[in-house]
Amino acid sequence: MRVIKEIVKKYPLSCACIALIWVLCFIPVPDLHLDHVTLLDKWVHALMYAGTCAVIWMEYLRRHTKKANKRRLLLFAWLTPVLMSGVIEVLQEYCTFGIRGGDWRDLVANTTGATLSLCGGMLYLWFRARE
């Protein structure tokens, strides 16, 4: 429990984004009458994960100004959100009693968003190292 408190204290925005994803993924989806927008749901997933992973990157790099641990960043700012996305999709399919459905294309969209954020973060580290 103490470890969780420390993580929330160090990375409050990241934890808030992750909690928001969990909430949004399990509430019923309202009908927005946007059926004419192609792949809107997938764009939302990609942006949601790109934003969350970018926040993780920013909070981590803000706390580690001297030397960033690239393996730790890869684990916590890319792999962990992608794995969380897979867990959420499985839970949506089998544990929501038909309220939500799991979709592997959502997992692909989430991974795409996290990967875009990873690329942006790596570019930032590259430019920072050149200074």
N, C-alpha and C. Protein backbone atom coordinates (compact mmCIF):
# COMPACT_ATOMS: atom_id res chain seq x y z
N MET A 1 0.82 -1.20 0.00
CA MET A 1 0.00 0.00 0.00
C MET A 1 0.86 1.26 0.00
N ARG A 2 1.98 1.21 0.72
CA ARG A 2 2.88 2.34 0.81
C ARG A 2 3.49 2.66 -0.55
N VAL A 3 3.81 1.62 -1.31
CA VAL A 3 4.39 1.80 -2.64
C VAL A 3 3.39 2.51 -3.55
N ILE A 4 2.13 2.12 -3.48
CA ILE A 4 1.10 2.75 -4.31
C ILE A 4 0.97 4.23 -3.96
N LYS A 5 1.00 4.55 -2.67
CA LYS A 5 0.92 5.96 -2.25
C LYS A 5 2.09 6.76 -2.81
N GLU A 6 3.28 6.17 -2.79
CA GLU A 6 4.46 6.86 -3.32
C GLU A 6 4.34 7.08 -4.82
N ILE A 7 3.84 6.09 -5.54
CA ILE A 7 3.66 6.23 -6.99
C ILE A 7 2.65 7.32 -7.29
N VAL A 8 1.52 7.33 -6.59
CA VAL A 8 0.50 8.35 -6.80
C VAL A 8 1.05 9.73 -6.47
N LYS A 9 1.86 9.82 -5.44
CA LYS A 9 2.44 11.10 -5.03
C LYS A 9 3.44 11.60 -6.08
N LYS A 10 4.25 10.69 -6.64
CA LYS A 10 5.26 11.07 -7.63
C LYS A 10 4.66 11.35 -9.00
N TYR A 11 3.64 10.58 -9.36
CA TYR A 11 3.09 10.65 -10.71
C TYR A 11 1.56 10.82 -10.67
N PRO A 12 1.07 11.92 -10.13
CA PRO A 12 -0.38 12.07 -9.95
C PRO A 12 -1.16 12.16 -11.27
N LEU A 13 -0.62 12.86 -12.26
CA LEU A 13 -1.34 13.00 -13.53
C LEU A 13 -1.40 11.67 -14.28
N SER A 14 -0.31 10.93 -14.25
CA SER A 14 -0.29 9.62 -14.90
C SER A 14 -1.31 8.69 -14.27
N CYS A 15 -1.35 8.68 -12.95
CA CYS A 15 -2.32 7.83 -12.25
C CYS A 15 -3.74 8.26 -12.54
N ALA A 16 -3.97 9.57 -12.64
CA ALA A 16 -5.30 10.07 -12.96
C ALA A 16 -5.71 9.65 -14.37
N CYS A 17 -4.80 9.74 -15.32
CA CYS A 17 -5.10 9.31 -16.70
C CYS A 17 -5.41 7.82 -16.77
N ILE A 18 -4.64 7.03 -16.06
CA ILE A 18 -4.86 5.58 -16.05
C ILE A 18 -6.21 5.25 -15.42
N ALA A 19 -6.52 5.92 -14.31
CA ALA A 19 -7.83 5.70 -13.66
C ALA A 19 -8.97 6.11 -14.58
N LEU A 20 -8.79 7.23 -15.30
CA LEU A 20 -9.81 7.69 -16.23
C LEU A 20 -10.03 6.67 -17.35
N ILE A 21 -8.95 6.09 -17.86
CA ILE A 21 -9.09 5.06 -18.90
C ILE A 21 -9.92 3.89 -18.37
N TRP A 22 -9.61 3.43 -17.15
CA TRP A 22 -10.36 2.30 -16.58
C TRP A 22 -11.84 2.65 -16.45
N VAL A 23 -12.14 3.84 -16.00
CA VAL A 23 -13.55 4.24 -15.85
C VAL A 23 -14.22 4.31 -17.21
N LEU A 24 -13.60 5.00 -18.17
CA LEU A 24 -14.20 5.16 -19.49
C LEU A 24 -14.40 3.83 -20.22
N CYS A 25 -13.55 2.87 -19.95
CA CYS A 25 -13.64 1.59 -20.64
C CYS A 25 -14.73 0.68 -20.08
N PHE A 26 -15.29 1.02 -18.94
CA PHE A 26 -16.30 0.14 -18.36
C PHE A 26 -17.66 0.78 -18.16
N ILE A 27 -17.81 2.06 -18.53
CA ILE A 27 -19.14 2.66 -18.46
C ILE A 27 -19.84 2.43 -19.80
N PRO A 28 -21.17 2.42 -19.81
CA PRO A 28 -21.88 2.28 -21.09
C PRO A 28 -21.57 3.45 -22.02
N VAL A 29 -21.44 3.16 -23.29
CA VAL A 29 -21.11 4.18 -24.28
C VAL A 29 -22.40 4.88 -24.70
N PRO A 30 -22.45 6.22 -24.56
CA PRO A 30 -23.65 6.93 -25.01
C PRO A 30 -23.70 7.00 -26.53
N ASP A 31 -24.87 7.11 -27.09
CA ASP A 31 -25.04 7.24 -28.54
C ASP A 31 -24.84 8.71 -28.89
N LEU A 32 -23.80 9.01 -29.65
CA LEU A 32 -23.46 10.38 -29.98
C LEU A 32 -23.90 10.78 -31.38
N HIS A 33 -24.51 9.88 -32.11
CA HIS A 33 -24.97 10.13 -33.48
C HIS A 33 -23.81 10.55 -34.38
N LEU A 34 -22.67 9.93 -34.20
CA LEU A 34 -21.50 10.21 -35.02
C LEU A 34 -21.11 9.00 -35.86
N ASP A 35 -22.12 8.25 -36.29
CA ASP A 35 -21.87 7.04 -37.07
C ASP A 35 -21.21 7.34 -38.41
N HIS A 36 -21.34 8.56 -38.90
CA HIS A 36 -20.77 8.92 -40.19
C HIS A 36 -19.25 9.13 -40.13
N VAL A 37 -18.68 9.24 -38.94
CA VAL A 37 -17.23 9.42 -38.80
C VAL A 37 -16.57 8.04 -38.80
N THR A 38 -15.76 7.80 -39.82
CA THR A 38 -15.13 6.51 -39.99
C THR A 38 -14.09 6.26 -38.89
N LEU A 39 -14.18 5.12 -38.26
CA LEU A 39 -13.24 4.67 -37.24
C LEU A 39 -13.08 5.65 -36.07
N LEU A 40 -14.14 6.37 -35.74
CA LEU A 40 -14.08 7.34 -34.64
C LEU A 40 -13.61 6.69 -33.35
N ASP A 41 -14.16 5.52 -33.05
CA ASP A 41 -13.80 4.81 -31.82
C ASP A 41 -12.31 4.50 -31.78
N LYS A 42 -11.76 4.10 -32.90
CA LYS A 42 -10.33 3.75 -32.94
C LYS A 42 -9.46 4.99 -32.77
N TRP A 43 -9.87 6.11 -33.35
CA TRP A 43 -9.14 7.36 -33.17
C TRP A 43 -9.16 7.78 -31.70
N VAL A 44 -10.31 7.62 -31.06
CA VAL A 44 -10.42 7.98 -29.65
C VAL A 44 -9.48 7.11 -28.82
N HIS A 45 -9.45 5.81 -29.11
CA HIS A 45 -8.55 4.91 -28.38
C HIS A 45 -7.09 5.31 -28.59
N ALA A 46 -6.70 5.57 -29.83
CA ALA A 46 -5.31 5.93 -30.11
C ALA A 46 -4.93 7.23 -29.40
N LEU A 47 -5.80 8.22 -29.45
CA LEU A 47 -5.50 9.50 -28.78
C LEU A 47 -5.47 9.36 -27.26
N MET A 48 -6.37 8.53 -26.73
CA MET A 48 -6.42 8.33 -25.29
C MET A 48 -5.11 7.71 -24.79
N TYR A 49 -4.60 6.73 -25.49
CA TYR A 49 -3.36 6.09 -25.07
C TYR A 49 -2.13 6.93 -25.41
N ALA A 50 -2.16 7.65 -26.52
CA ALA A 50 -1.04 8.54 -26.84
C ALA A 50 -0.93 9.62 -25.77
N GLY A 51 -2.06 10.18 -25.37
CA GLY A 51 -2.05 11.21 -24.34
C GLY A 51 -1.60 10.69 -23.00
N THR A 52 -2.10 9.54 -22.60
CA THR A 52 -1.73 8.96 -21.32
C THR A 52 -0.23 8.63 -21.28
N CYS A 53 0.25 8.02 -22.34
CA CYS A 53 1.68 7.67 -22.38
C CYS A 53 2.55 8.92 -22.42
N ALA A 54 2.09 9.97 -23.10
CA ALA A 54 2.84 11.23 -23.12
C ALA A 54 2.91 11.84 -21.72
N VAL A 55 1.82 11.75 -20.98
CA VAL A 55 1.82 12.26 -19.61
C VAL A 55 2.80 11.45 -18.75
N ILE A 56 2.81 10.14 -18.93
CA ILE A 56 3.76 9.30 -18.19
C ILE A 56 5.19 9.72 -18.52
N TRP A 57 5.48 9.92 -19.80
CA TRP A 57 6.80 10.36 -20.22
C TRP A 57 7.16 11.68 -19.55
N MET A 58 6.26 12.66 -19.63
CA MET A 58 6.55 13.99 -19.09
C MET A 58 6.78 13.96 -17.58
N GLU A 59 5.94 13.23 -16.87
CA GLU A 59 6.12 13.17 -15.42
C GLU A 59 7.42 12.45 -15.05
N TYR A 60 7.74 11.39 -15.76
CA TYR A 60 8.98 10.68 -15.47
C TYR A 60 10.19 11.56 -15.76
N LEU A 61 10.19 12.20 -16.91
CA LEU A 61 11.35 13.02 -17.29
C LEU A 61 11.46 14.27 -16.42
N ARG A 62 10.37 14.77 -15.92
CA ARG A 62 10.41 15.92 -15.01
C ARG A 62 11.11 15.54 -13.71
N ARG A 63 10.91 14.30 -13.25
CA ARG A 63 11.51 13.85 -12.00
C ARG A 63 12.94 13.34 -12.19
N HIS A 64 13.31 12.99 -13.40
CA HIS A 64 14.64 12.43 -13.68
C HIS A 64 15.32 13.32 -14.73
N THR A 65 15.72 14.50 -14.32
CA THR A 65 16.27 15.47 -15.26
C THR A 65 17.69 15.12 -15.73
N LYS A 66 18.46 14.45 -14.91
CA LYS A 66 19.86 14.16 -15.26
C LYS A 66 19.98 13.02 -16.26
N LYS A 67 19.53 11.85 -15.86
CA LYS A 67 19.69 10.65 -16.69
C LYS A 67 18.42 9.82 -16.60
N ALA A 68 17.76 9.68 -17.72
CA ALA A 68 16.54 8.88 -17.77
C ALA A 68 16.90 7.41 -18.01
N ASN A 69 16.24 6.52 -17.29
CA ASN A 69 16.42 5.09 -17.48
C ASN A 69 15.50 4.66 -18.63
N LYS A 70 16.10 4.44 -19.80
CA LYS A 70 15.30 4.15 -21.00
C LYS A 70 14.55 2.83 -20.89
N ARG A 71 15.13 1.85 -20.24
CA ARG A 71 14.42 0.57 -20.06
C ARG A 71 13.19 0.74 -19.17
N ARG A 72 13.35 1.51 -18.11
CA ARG A 72 12.22 1.75 -17.21
C ARG A 72 11.12 2.53 -17.94
N LEU A 73 11.54 3.52 -18.73
CA LEU A 73 10.56 4.28 -19.52
C LEU A 73 9.84 3.38 -20.51
N LEU A 74 10.58 2.52 -21.19
CA LEU A 74 9.96 1.60 -22.15
C LEU A 74 8.96 0.69 -21.44
N LEU A 75 9.32 0.23 -20.26
CA LEU A 75 8.43 -0.66 -19.50
C LEU A 75 7.17 0.08 -19.03
N PHE A 76 7.33 1.22 -18.40
CA PHE A 76 6.19 1.89 -17.77
C PHE A 76 5.45 2.85 -18.68
N ALA A 77 6.08 3.36 -19.73
CA ALA A 77 5.40 4.31 -20.60
C ALA A 77 4.95 3.68 -21.92
N TRP A 78 5.30 2.42 -22.16
CA TRP A 78 4.82 1.76 -23.37
C TRP A 78 4.26 0.37 -23.07
N LEU A 79 5.08 -0.52 -22.55
CA LEU A 79 4.66 -1.91 -22.38
C LEU A 79 3.52 -2.06 -21.38
N THR A 80 3.61 -1.39 -20.24
CA THR A 80 2.56 -1.52 -19.23
C THR A 80 1.21 -1.02 -19.75
N PRO A 81 1.14 0.17 -20.41
CA PRO A 81 -0.16 0.58 -20.96
C PRO A 81 -0.70 -0.37 -22.04
N VAL A 82 0.21 -0.93 -22.84
CA VAL A 82 -0.25 -1.88 -23.87
C VAL A 82 -0.81 -3.15 -23.22
N LEU A 83 -0.13 -3.67 -22.21
CA LEU A 83 -0.63 -4.84 -21.49
C LEU A 83 -1.95 -4.52 -20.77
N MET A 84 -2.02 -3.32 -20.18
CA MET A 84 -3.27 -2.91 -19.52
C MET A 84 -4.41 -2.87 -20.54
N SER A 85 -4.11 -2.41 -21.73
CA SER A 85 -5.11 -2.35 -22.78
C SER A 85 -5.64 -3.74 -23.12
N GLY A 86 -4.73 -4.71 -23.21
CA GLY A 86 -5.15 -6.08 -23.48
C GLY A 86 -6.03 -6.64 -22.37
N VAL A 87 -5.65 -6.37 -21.12
CA VAL A 87 -6.45 -6.83 -19.98
C VAL A 87 -7.84 -6.19 -20.02
N ILE A 88 -7.90 -4.90 -20.33
CA ILE A 88 -9.18 -4.21 -20.39
C ILE A 88 -10.06 -4.81 -21.48
N GLU A 89 -9.48 -5.10 -22.63
CA GLU A 89 -10.29 -5.67 -23.73
C GLU A 89 -10.83 -7.05 -23.35
N VAL A 90 -10.03 -7.87 -22.69
CA VAL A 90 -10.50 -9.19 -22.25
C VAL A 90 -11.61 -9.03 -21.22
N LEU A 91 -11.42 -8.13 -20.25
CA LEU A 91 -12.45 -7.90 -19.23
C LEU A 91 -13.73 -7.35 -19.84
N GLN A 92 -13.61 -6.47 -20.82
CA GLN A 92 -14.80 -5.94 -21.48
C GLN A 92 -15.58 -7.06 -22.17
N GLU A 93 -14.87 -7.98 -22.76
CA GLU A 93 -15.54 -9.07 -23.49
C GLU A 93 -16.22 -10.05 -22.56
N TYR A 94 -15.57 -10.40 -21.47
CA TYR A 94 -16.05 -11.50 -20.65
C TYR A 94 -16.65 -11.11 -19.30
N CYS A 95 -16.52 -9.85 -18.88
CA CYS A 95 -16.96 -9.50 -17.53
C CYS A 95 -17.92 -8.32 -17.46
N THR A 96 -18.43 -7.84 -18.57
CA THR A 96 -19.35 -6.70 -18.52
C THR A 96 -20.79 -7.07 -18.84
N PHE A 97 -21.06 -8.36 -19.00
CA PHE A 97 -22.42 -8.86 -19.22
C PHE A 97 -23.10 -8.19 -20.40
N GLY A 98 -22.34 -7.94 -21.46
CA GLY A 98 -22.89 -7.39 -22.68
C GLY A 98 -22.95 -5.87 -22.73
N ILE A 99 -22.60 -5.19 -21.65
CA ILE A 99 -22.61 -3.73 -21.66
C ILE A 99 -21.52 -3.21 -22.60
N ARG A 100 -20.34 -3.81 -22.54
CA ARG A 100 -19.23 -3.46 -23.41
C ARG A 100 -18.70 -4.74 -24.03
N GLY A 101 -18.08 -4.60 -25.19
CA GLY A 101 -17.50 -5.76 -25.85
C GLY A 101 -16.03 -5.52 -26.12
N GLY A 102 -15.24 -6.55 -25.96
CA GLY A 102 -13.82 -6.44 -26.26
C GLY A 102 -13.61 -6.47 -27.76
N ASP A 103 -12.64 -5.72 -28.23
CA ASP A 103 -12.36 -5.65 -29.66
C ASP A 103 -10.85 -5.59 -29.84
N TRP A 104 -10.30 -6.55 -30.57
CA TRP A 104 -8.86 -6.57 -30.77
C TRP A 104 -8.38 -5.38 -31.58
N ARG A 105 -9.27 -4.79 -32.38
CA ARG A 105 -8.89 -3.57 -33.11
C ARG A 105 -8.69 -2.41 -32.15
N ASP A 106 -9.41 -2.42 -31.03
CA ASP A 106 -9.16 -1.41 -29.99
C ASP A 106 -7.76 -1.57 -29.42
N LEU A 107 -7.35 -2.81 -29.21
CA LEU A 107 -6.00 -3.07 -28.71
C LEU A 107 -4.96 -2.56 -29.70
N VAL A 108 -5.20 -2.75 -30.98
CA VAL A 108 -4.28 -2.24 -32.01
C VAL A 108 -4.24 -0.72 -31.97
N ALA A 109 -5.40 -0.08 -31.84
CA ALA A 109 -5.45 1.38 -31.78
C ALA A 109 -4.74 1.89 -30.53
N ASN A 110 -4.95 1.22 -29.40
CA ASN A 110 -4.28 1.62 -28.16
C ASN A 110 -2.76 1.48 -28.29
N THR A 111 -2.32 0.38 -28.88
CA THR A 111 -0.90 0.15 -29.08
C THR A 111 -0.31 1.18 -30.04
N THR A 112 -1.07 1.55 -31.05
CA THR A 112 -0.62 2.59 -31.99
C THR A 112 -0.43 3.92 -31.27
N GLY A 113 -1.39 4.29 -30.42
CA GLY A 113 -1.27 5.53 -29.66
C GLY A 113 -0.07 5.51 -28.73
N ALA A 114 0.12 4.40 -28.03
CA ALA A 114 1.26 4.27 -27.12
C ALA A 114 2.57 4.31 -27.89
N THR A 115 2.60 3.72 -29.08
CA THR A 115 3.81 3.70 -29.90
C THR A 115 4.14 5.09 -30.44
N LEU A 116 3.12 5.84 -30.82
CA LEU A 116 3.35 7.22 -31.26
C LEU A 116 3.95 8.05 -30.12
N SER A 117 3.44 7.85 -28.94
CA SER A 117 3.98 8.55 -27.78
C SER A 117 5.42 8.11 -27.51
N LEU A 118 5.69 6.82 -27.65
CA LEU A 118 7.05 6.30 -27.49
C LEU A 118 8.00 6.96 -28.48
N CYS A 119 7.58 7.06 -29.73
CA CYS A 119 8.43 7.70 -30.75
C CYS A 119 8.70 9.16 -30.39
N GLY A 120 7.67 9.87 -29.95
CA GLY A 120 7.85 11.26 -29.54
C GLY A 120 8.78 11.37 -28.35
N GLY A 121 8.63 10.50 -27.39
CA GLY A 121 9.50 10.52 -26.21
C GLY A 121 10.94 10.20 -26.55
N MET A 122 11.15 9.25 -27.44
CA MET A 122 12.52 8.90 -27.83
C MET A 122 13.16 10.05 -28.61
N LEU A 123 12.38 10.72 -29.46
CA LEU A 123 12.91 11.89 -30.15
C LEU A 123 13.31 12.98 -29.16
N TYR A 124 12.47 13.18 -28.16
CA TYR A 124 12.78 14.17 -27.13
C TYR A 124 14.09 13.82 -26.42
N LEU A 125 14.25 12.56 -26.05
CA LEU A 125 15.50 12.13 -25.39
C LEU A 125 16.70 12.31 -26.30
N TRP A 126 16.52 12.04 -27.57
CA TRP A 126 17.61 12.20 -28.52
C TRP A 126 18.02 13.66 -28.62
N PHE A 127 17.02 14.57 -28.74
CA PHE A 127 17.34 16.00 -28.82
C PHE A 127 17.95 16.51 -27.52
N ARG A 128 17.46 16.00 -26.39
CA ARG A 128 17.98 16.42 -25.09
C ARG A 128 19.44 15.98 -24.92
N ALA A 129 19.77 14.80 -25.43
CA ALA A 129 21.14 14.30 -25.33
C ALA A 129 22.10 15.10 -26.21
N ARG A 130 21.61 15.69 -27.26
CA ARG A 130 22.46 16.46 -28.18
C ARG A 130 22.79 17.84 -27.65
N GLU A 131 22.07 18.29 -26.63
CA GLU A 131 22.29 19.65 -26.09
C GLU A 131 23.58 19.73 -25.33
